[in-house]
Amino acid sequence: MPYYQDQLSIATVEEALQQSSVDELKKLAALLSTNNKPTRKAELVAFIQRHLIGENLRQLWRELDQLQQAAVAETVHSPDGFFNATRFYAKYLAEPNWGTSDQYGYKRQPSVLCLFIYGKKIIPKDLQTRLQAFVSKPKEVSVSSVDKCPEFFHITWREWDHKTGKRVVKEKEIPIQQCEMETAAQQDLLAVLRLINGGKVSVSDKTGFPSTASMNAIASVLTDGDYYNDDETVNAEEKIGFIKPFAWALLVQAGGLAELSNKRLTLTKAGQKALTAPAADTIRTIWKKWLKNKLLDELRRIDSIKGQTGKGKQGLTAPDKRREAITQALKDCPVGCWMTTEEFFRYILAKGYDFEVTRNPWNLYISEANYGSLGNLDGDDWAILQGRYTLCLLFEYAATLGMINIAYVHPSGVRPDYGDLWGTDDLFFFSRYDGLAALQLTPLGAYCLGVDHNYTPPPLELRSIFRVLPNLEIAATGEPLKPVDTLMLDVYAQKISDAVWRLETAKLLSAMEEGCTVTQLKEFLQARSGHELPETVNQFLADVEAKGNSLRDRGQARLIECADTALAVLIANDSRTKKLCFLAGEKHLVVPTESETKFRNAVKKLGYSIPLGG
């Protein structure tokens, strides 16, 4: 085997040729149009070298077919002069002609391409320089997308035909479920924050993962619930499990909006502010923090891959590097256009955004550590590792945040790429994310990715589901209310019957104290009633809003009692202390907490002191 199979670079053509056998050199020389071909190695090397300079080199270039020229162009203009076979196939969906061989891979006859790229992988540096003078840079790869979401997902499988005694190929079309997430995610964010504010979400103090009861509670307030809803009668092996509810519990923690307190999530100050801040800005912040988070490696969500917490843990690559590679590919996607997940995978590879999940696949396995080791795939593990990781990040996190709209089917049987792996016979699907069929970058996604610097949210969906009456009552009519609508009403209004709520001052003021706004309520009531609000309701809301905004919480302070009125007036007006306190009554001073230390020091300069504790 020529040494250049393992070399990082080759300086000259002569060096590459010297590492080849005489038999290999004769086969290369036979490709050159001349009758006087030498037979000795030194002469063969010199002979071939003469044809790889000047006009001879250009003539050889012209003899290459279009795909071979593309292979040379890709290699010549790569920084290291290496031919990346995986990237090339992803870009051109074909392999260049390297020559012929017998059915066992022997008796190889090289093509002209082998005079340019040695060992199917490397161009010598001097030849690379000469080729750069006239070989144009290769075309840029682009995402292949369509304007409409595909309606069906085509699947094929093989099964045993007892009549013929042979395996036959079966196929069918599965209807695709399309899920618009851009608006839903912004509503879901507020719904989850309100649920957390109500103390309804508990998580593990070790992992931060939500309990089953909490995920059910989260699912109940999300727009259209979770992506899948498992039937309770289904066997455990067939259950898909939670996706959206799990994601939200992790996202709000990673985004700094919620923190653990007595095994329950509570809103942080940032979480309280997020209740009234534009949802798009909050989601953008969550995504940026998620890219760097260490709370979860998304690979852990691929339950079939074992060994991640044992020996395999040390070999895993940094999740933030993987997320960044996928994010770069998302940035290149056209907003509003659909692409299949297979096309997205192809683009990642063709563009060079590829990434590794593990440095040692031998320590990751399916079912059993020895027979089921992923090292047995001999490097052919992209679909199992990188592919499944990408599906999880897209389906569970990017889609849940509304950055992409998605189209999906049930995961069972739609990705048969794991069927030949040991220990997978009983798997109905390899991961719960296997059903993701297509995706569409949303304007919100472009905003979160930094592709667009401004974002205008779409208007609230108009659905006439209740009437707002002049007597301040809200009566449900028509279709049943969705959980997210019920939650919104419960925040602002008092429920007085199964289908009626009443606007009350105390309830509204409590909502405002929690960060909700009257403007949000008015927009919601108009969108869900389909009409302008009655004048009595508008006036009521305006009055409550004015009262709710009449007082401001300026933070905590310490009340200082002076010995007499004269001392209180002296300190309140002295140039050293007057900016640090306020006169309250005849002989009391109010000192903001943030000014307390400076106030105590200033008082000492006046000749007084304040004993600790009073």
Foldseek 3Di string as FASTA:
>chain_A
DFPVLPDQAAADLLNLLVSDDLVVLVLLQVQDPDDDADRDSVSSSVSLVVCLDDPSVVVLLVVADPLLLLQLLAQLPDPRSWRDQLLSCLQVVDGGAQADADPVRHPGRGHSSCSAAPPNIGGHPVSSVRCVVPRDHDDDGAFDFAQDDDQWAKFKDWDADPVVRDIDIDIDIHGKDWFQQQVQLLLLLLQVLVCLQVQQWFADPVQLFTDPSRLVVSQQQGDVGFPDDDDPPDDPLQDADGFLSRLSSVLCVLLQQWDDDPRGTHGDPVVLQCNADRSLVSLLSSVVSVLVDPSDQLVVQQVQKDQCPHPQVVFFDDSSLLVVLLLVLVLRADASTKDWLVSSVSCSSNNVSDDDGGPDQLSIAGPDNHQGGPVVVVPPCCCPGVVVSSLSCVRRPCSSNSQKIFMWDAQFRRDCPCVPGPRCPPHRHSHSSNGTTMIGGHQSNCCSSVVDVDDDDDADAAAAQWDQDLQQKIFGDDDDDRSNLVSVLVQQFDDDDPGMTGGDLVSNLVSVVSPHALVVVLSSNCRHNVDHHDPSNVVVSVVSRCVSPVDDDPADWDKDFDPFQVVQVCQCPDPQRVVQWDDDPRGIIIGHPVSVVSNQVSVVVVVDHDDPPD
